[in-house]
Amino acid sequence: MNKNHCKQENIRLGTHGEDYGSWMSNPVFYIIGGIGVLTAVLAVLSFYVLHVAVLGVLFTVITIALLVLLIWITWIRRQYAFGGGGIMEQVHRVVLSHLDYDGEGKILEVGCGSGALTIRAALTWPKAQVIGVDYWGAVYNYSKALCEKNAASEGVASHCVFQHGDAKQLDFPDESFDVVISNYVYHNVMGADMQKLLLESLRVLKKGGVFALNDDMKPKMYGDMEGFAQKLRDMGYEEVRLVDTAQEAFGSHRWAAMMMLGSSRLLVGRK
C-alpha cells in the first residue's frame, strides 16, 4: 500500500451529516416496486375474478421475482452507501491511490455526482484546486448546490469548484489540468462511444499530467481496452495500464458481480 493510500485511510466522508446519496437511484426502486404491485393485483384478479389459474400462477411468480430483486438492490444500495457498507468509499480510495501526484495544480473529476470523490481528492491534496463537473440529470437527486453544501461541511469549499458539464464535450481548453479522474460515469452516457469519452477527458490533461479513470468496462460497451491502452502508449502516453478494480476494490470478481460492477477496470497513466 503506497503512502497516498495510507493517508486516505484516515479520511472518512459523511461524518458531519453530509448527503452523498447512493449509487442505486430512487427511480429504480419506484419502477420495480410499481411493477410488483401491478403484477400482484393482476395475480389476484386472475385467480378470483377471471378464474384463470395459469395467469394467476404466472403473475405470482413474476411478483415474487420482483420482490427478490427489490430486496437484492436494497441490499446493494446499503453496501455502497457512505455510513453503510462503504464499498463506494473504498473504490474512491483505490482510484486515488493509483495517482502519482505531488498535490500541486488543478484536478478535474468528470461526473462528480454528489461530490464525494472530488471532496476526497481535496482532502487528500489540500494545496490543489479541485473542479467537479456533472450533467446532473433527473435520475439522481444530485446537484451543484448539494455538492457545494457537502464540500463546505467537509471543510474544503475554498478549493473545490462544481459546475455543470457534459462528458462528451468538456468546456475546458486542451491541457488545462494536472490530474483527471472519473468513477463509474461513462457507461451512463447513453449512445456514446466509450473510448471517445475517455479521449475527451484526456484532452484536457496537461502533458506530464496523470489520470485515473474507473468504470464498469464491459467489452460490449468499451471494446478492446488493452488495444486502447496500447493506442495511448503509441500516442506518447507513459505508464499506461489497466487495473482490475473488481479485484482490488471489491476483493473478488464474484463479489463485484453481486454488486453489479463485475467488469470494473481502472485506466491509469501519465500523458
Protein backbone atom coordinates (compact mmCIF):
# COMPACT_ATOMS: atom_id res chain seq x y z
CA MET A 1 0.00 0.00 0.00
CA ASN A 2 1.53 3.35 -1.02
CA LYS A 3 1.71 6.50 1.14
CA ASN A 4 -1.21 8.08 -0.67
CA HIS A 5 -3.45 5.12 0.11
CA CYS A 6 -2.32 5.12 3.75
CA LYS A 7 -3.21 8.80 4.07
CA GLN A 8 -6.65 8.16 2.64
CA GLU A 9 -7.37 5.52 5.27
CA ASN A 10 -7.64 8.39 7.75
CA ILE A 11 -10.25 10.21 5.63
CA ARG A 12 -13.85 9.38 6.50
CA LEU A 13 -16.51 11.18 4.49
CA GLY A 14 -20.04 11.78 5.68
CA THR A 15 -19.26 12.13 9.40
CA HIS A 16 -20.77 15.63 9.69
CA GLY A 17 -24.18 14.83 8.24
CA GLU A 18 -23.26 15.24 4.57
CA ASP A 19 -25.54 13.76 1.92
CA TYR A 20 -23.64 11.69 -0.66
CA GLY A 21 -26.67 9.81 -1.91
CA SER A 22 -26.36 6.30 -3.28
CA TRP A 23 -25.19 4.54 -6.41
CA MET A 24 -28.65 2.98 -6.80
CA SER A 25 -31.12 5.76 -7.69
CA ASN A 26 -34.63 6.09 -6.25
CA PRO A 27 -36.46 5.77 -9.63
CA VAL A 28 -35.15 2.20 -9.94
CA PHE A 29 -36.93 1.28 -6.71
CA TYR A 30 -40.12 3.09 -7.72
CA ILE A 31 -40.27 1.33 -11.09
CA ILE A 32 -39.62 -2.16 -9.72
CA GLY A 33 -41.96 -1.61 -6.78
CA GLY A 34 -44.70 -0.25 -9.03
CA ILE A 35 -44.47 -3.16 -11.45
CA GLY A 36 -44.50 -5.55 -8.48
CA VAL A 37 -47.72 -4.04 -7.13
CA LEU A 38 -49.28 -4.24 -10.60
CA THR A 39 -48.38 -7.92 -11.08
CA ALA A 40 -49.67 -8.72 -7.59
CA VAL A 41 -53.02 -7.12 -8.45
CA LEU A 42 -53.13 -9.00 -11.75
CA ALA A 43 -52.42 -12.25 -9.92
CA VAL A 44 -55.38 -11.67 -7.58
CA LEU A 45 -57.65 -10.75 -10.48
CA SER A 46 -56.56 -13.82 -12.43
CA PHE A 47 -57.33 -16.19 -9.54
CA TYR A 48 -60.53 -14.68 -8.13
CA VAL A 49 -62.14 -12.66 -10.95
CA LEU A 50 -61.03 -14.20 -14.24
CA HIS A 51 -60.57 -17.67 -12.70
CA VAL A 52 -57.59 -18.34 -14.96
CA ALA A 53 -55.18 -20.25 -12.75
CA VAL A 54 -52.33 -20.30 -15.27
CA LEU A 55 -52.28 -16.50 -15.46
CA GLY A 56 -52.55 -16.29 -11.69
CA VAL A 57 -49.52 -18.53 -11.22
CA LEU A 58 -47.55 -16.61 -13.86
CA PHE A 59 -48.23 -13.22 -12.25
CA THR A 60 -47.49 -14.65 -8.80
CA VAL A 61 -44.09 -15.93 -9.95
CA ILE A 62 -43.31 -12.55 -11.52
CA THR A 63 -44.34 -10.76 -8.31
CA ILE A 64 -42.08 -12.98 -6.19
CA ALA A 65 -39.18 -12.45 -8.62
CA LEU A 66 -39.64 -8.68 -8.45
CA LEU A 67 -39.78 -8.82 -4.66
CA VAL A 68 -36.50 -10.76 -4.58
CA LEU A 69 -34.97 -8.23 -6.99
CA LEU A 70 -36.15 -5.35 -4.80
CA ILE A 71 -34.60 -6.95 -1.71
CA TRP A 72 -31.35 -7.53 -3.63
CA ILE A 73 -30.96 -3.96 -4.88
CA THR A 74 -31.90 -2.63 -1.43
CA TRP A 75 -29.02 -4.68 -0.03
CA ILE A 76 -26.71 -3.42 -2.80
CA ARG A 77 -27.68 0.16 -2.06
CA ARG A 78 -26.82 -0.33 1.60
CA GLN A 79 -23.45 -1.87 0.71
CA TYR A 80 -22.46 1.13 -1.42
CA ALA A 81 -23.75 3.78 0.96
CA PHE A 82 -21.49 6.11 2.90
CA GLY A 83 -22.17 5.17 6.50
CA GLY A 84 -23.40 1.76 5.31
CA GLY A 85 -21.20 -0.89 3.73
CA GLY A 86 -18.83 1.80 2.48
CA ILE A 87 -17.91 -0.02 -0.73
CA MET A 88 -18.02 3.10 -2.91
CA GLU A 89 -15.75 4.92 -0.47
CA GLN A 90 -13.30 2.03 -0.78
CA VAL A 91 -13.48 2.30 -4.57
CA HIS A 92 -12.64 6.01 -4.28
CA ARG A 93 -9.61 5.21 -2.14
CA VAL A 94 -8.37 2.76 -4.75
CA VAL A 95 -8.87 5.22 -7.62
CA LEU A 96 -6.86 7.99 -5.94
CA SER A 97 -4.19 5.60 -4.66
CA HIS A 98 -3.04 4.96 -8.23
CA LEU A 99 -2.21 8.62 -8.90
CA ASP A 100 1.49 9.52 -8.81
CA TYR A 101 0.77 13.15 -7.96
CA ASP A 102 2.59 15.79 -5.90
CA GLY A 103 -0.57 17.66 -4.89
CA GLU A 104 0.10 20.88 -6.79
CA GLY A 105 -2.08 22.40 -9.53
CA LYS A 106 -5.59 21.52 -10.69
CA ILE A 107 -7.64 18.32 -10.56
CA LEU A 108 -10.72 17.60 -12.66
CA GLU A 109 -13.32 15.00 -11.81
CA VAL A 110 -15.57 14.10 -14.74
CA GLY A 111 -19.02 13.17 -13.43
CA CYS A 112 -18.82 14.27 -9.79
CA GLY A 113 -22.39 13.32 -8.78
CA SER A 114 -22.78 14.32 -5.13
CA GLY A 115 -19.16 15.45 -4.90
CA ALA A 116 -17.74 12.58 -2.84
CA LEU A 117 -14.66 11.80 -4.95
CA THR A 118 -13.95 15.48 -5.64
CA ILE A 119 -14.06 16.17 -1.90
CA ARG A 120 -11.85 13.17 -1.11
CA ALA A 121 -9.30 14.47 -3.62
CA ALA A 122 -9.44 17.91 -1.98
CA LEU A 123 -8.88 16.38 1.46
CA THR A 124 -6.03 14.22 0.13
CA TRP A 125 -4.26 17.12 -1.63
CA PRO A 126 -5.19 20.32 0.24
CA LYS A 127 -2.94 22.52 -1.97
CA ALA A 128 -4.72 21.53 -5.18
CA GLN A 129 -7.74 23.21 -6.73
CA VAL A 130 -10.34 20.53 -7.49
CA ILE A 131 -13.10 21.00 -10.04
CA GLY A 132 -16.03 18.62 -10.32
CA VAL A 133 -18.28 18.66 -13.38
CA ASP A 134 -21.53 16.79 -13.88
CA TYR A 135 -24.59 16.84 -16.11
CA TRP A 136 -26.79 16.30 -13.01
CA GLY A 137 -29.66 14.62 -14.81
CA ALA A 138 -33.03 13.79 -13.26
CA VAL A 139 -32.23 10.15 -12.40
CA TYR A 140 -30.19 11.01 -9.30
CA ASN A 141 -31.06 13.68 -6.75
CA TYR A 142 -27.65 15.32 -7.14
CA SER A 143 -26.99 18.98 -7.88
CA LYS A 144 -24.36 21.71 -7.79
CA ALA A 145 -25.93 23.04 -4.60
CA LEU A 146 -25.69 19.62 -2.93
CA CYS A 147 -22.01 19.29 -3.91
CA GLU A 148 -21.21 22.75 -2.57
CA LYS A 149 -23.04 22.03 0.68
CA ASN A 150 -21.11 18.77 1.14
CA ALA A 151 -17.78 20.48 0.39
CA ALA A 152 -18.49 23.25 2.89
CA SER A 153 -19.46 20.71 5.55
CA GLU A 154 -16.23 18.75 4.95
CA GLY A 155 -14.17 21.97 5.18
CA VAL A 156 -12.87 22.07 1.60
CA ALA A 157 -15.19 24.64 -0.03
CA SER A 158 -12.28 27.06 -0.51
CA HIS A 159 -10.57 24.83 -3.04
CA CYS A 160 -13.50 22.90 -4.57
CA VAL A 161 -15.49 24.19 -7.53
CA PHE A 162 -18.51 22.47 -9.04
CA GLN A 163 -20.07 23.24 -12.40
CA HIS A 164 -22.41 21.81 -14.99
CA GLY A 165 -20.65 19.90 -17.74
CA ASP A 166 -21.01 17.26 -20.43
CA ALA A 167 -18.50 14.40 -20.57
CA LYS A 168 -18.94 14.27 -24.35
CA GLN A 169 -17.67 17.83 -24.74
CA LEU A 170 -15.88 19.29 -21.75
CA ASP A 171 -15.94 23.07 -21.52
CA PHE A 172 -12.19 23.43 -20.94
CA PRO A 173 -9.25 24.14 -23.26
CA ASP A 174 -6.70 21.45 -24.09
CA GLU A 175 -4.18 20.70 -21.35
CA SER A 176 -5.97 22.55 -18.54
CA PHE A 177 -5.48 20.10 -15.66
CA ASP A 178 -2.67 18.30 -13.85
CA VAL A 179 -4.95 15.39 -12.92
CA VAL A 180 -8.13 13.95 -14.42
CA ILE A 181 -10.22 11.41 -12.50
CA SER A 182 -13.58 9.74 -13.04
CA ASN A 183 -15.55 6.97 -11.39
CA TYR A 184 -18.43 4.92 -12.87
CA VAL A 185 -19.61 7.73 -15.13
CA TYR A 186 -19.01 6.98 -18.82
CA HIS A 187 -21.26 3.92 -19.03
CA ASN A 188 -24.19 6.18 -18.06
CA VAL A 189 -23.72 8.39 -21.13
CA MET A 190 -26.29 6.88 -23.43
CA GLY A 191 -25.31 6.23 -27.04
CA ALA A 192 -21.75 7.47 -26.61
CA ASP A 193 -18.55 5.85 -27.82
CA MET A 194 -16.78 4.99 -24.55
CA GLN A 195 -13.26 5.28 -25.97
CA LYS A 196 -14.08 8.71 -27.41
CA LEU A 197 -15.30 9.78 -23.98
CA LEU A 198 -12.01 8.69 -22.47
CA LEU A 199 -10.07 10.63 -25.11
CA GLU A 200 -12.19 13.73 -24.44
CA SER A 201 -11.33 13.53 -20.73
CA LEU A 202 -7.66 13.09 -21.58
CA ARG A 203 -7.76 16.05 -23.98
CA VAL A 204 -7.91 18.49 -21.07
CA LEU A 205 -4.99 16.83 -19.25
CA LYS A 206 -1.64 18.61 -19.36
CA LYS A 207 1.41 16.97 -20.83
CA GLY A 208 3.00 15.16 -17.91
CA GLY A 209 -0.30 15.05 -16.02
CA VAL A 210 -1.74 11.87 -14.53
CA PHE A 211 -5.13 10.21 -14.84
CA ALA A 212 -7.25 7.55 -13.17
CA LEU A 213 -10.49 6.70 -14.97
CA ASN A 214 -12.60 3.94 -13.43
CA ASP A 215 -15.72 2.38 -14.91
CA ASP A 216 -17.60 -0.85 -15.46
CA MET A 217 -15.75 -1.57 -18.71
CA LYS A 218 -17.88 -4.29 -20.24
CA PRO A 219 -16.30 -5.43 -23.54
CA LYS A 220 -19.60 -4.99 -25.43
CA MET A 221 -19.63 -1.35 -24.41
CA TYR A 222 -15.92 -0.49 -24.27
CA GLY A 223 -14.42 -2.75 -26.89
CA ASP A 224 -10.77 -3.77 -26.71
CA MET A 225 -9.37 -1.79 -23.78
CA GLU A 226 -5.97 -3.47 -23.95
CA GLY A 227 -5.79 -2.19 -27.53
CA PHE A 228 -6.91 1.26 -26.39
CA ALA A 229 -4.19 1.33 -23.73
CA GLN A 230 -1.63 0.49 -26.39
CA LYS A 231 -3.06 3.23 -28.59
CA LEU A 232 -2.39 5.73 -25.81
CA ARG A 233 1.18 4.46 -25.49
CA ASP A 234 1.63 4.88 -29.23
CA MET A 235 0.39 8.46 -28.84
CA GLY A 236 3.17 9.14 -26.35
CA TYR A 237 1.38 8.47 -23.06
CA GLU A 238 3.51 6.89 -20.33
CA GLU A 239 2.87 4.33 -17.59
CA VAL A 240 -0.49 3.39 -19.13
CA ARG A 241 -2.05 0.34 -17.54
CA LEU A 242 -5.38 -1.23 -16.70
CA VAL A 243 -6.06 -2.05 -13.05
CA ASP A 244 -8.59 -4.73 -12.13
CA THR A 245 -10.70 -2.76 -9.65
CA ALA A 246 -13.24 -5.57 -9.41
CA GLN A 247 -10.48 -7.47 -7.62
CA GLU A 248 -8.65 -4.60 -5.93
CA ALA A 249 -11.59 -2.54 -4.69
CA PHE A 250 -14.23 -5.22 -4.14
CA GLY A 251 -11.93 -8.09 -3.15
CA SER A 252 -13.11 -10.54 -5.81
CA HIS A 253 -14.81 -10.68 -9.19
CA ARG A 254 -17.67 -12.66 -7.70
CA TRP A 255 -18.36 -10.03 -5.05
CA ALA A 256 -18.12 -7.22 -7.63
CA ALA A 257 -20.55 -9.08 -9.88
CA MET A 258 -23.00 -9.36 -6.98
CA MET A 259 -22.70 -5.57 -6.72
CA MET A 260 -23.46 -5.25 -10.48
CA LEU A 261 -19.95 -3.99 -11.25
CA GLY A 262 -18.14 -7.18 -12.19
CA SER A 263 -16.25 -5.62 -15.13
CA SER A 264 -14.72 -2.76 -13.14
CA ARG A 265 -11.38 -1.58 -14.52
CA LEU A 266 -9.27 1.50 -13.94
CA LEU A 267 -7.31 3.14 -16.73
CA VAL A 268 -4.30 4.92 -15.23
CA GLY A 269 -1.19 6.56 -16.59
CA ARG A 270 0.67 9.76 -17.42
CA LYS A 271 0.23 11.88 -20.51
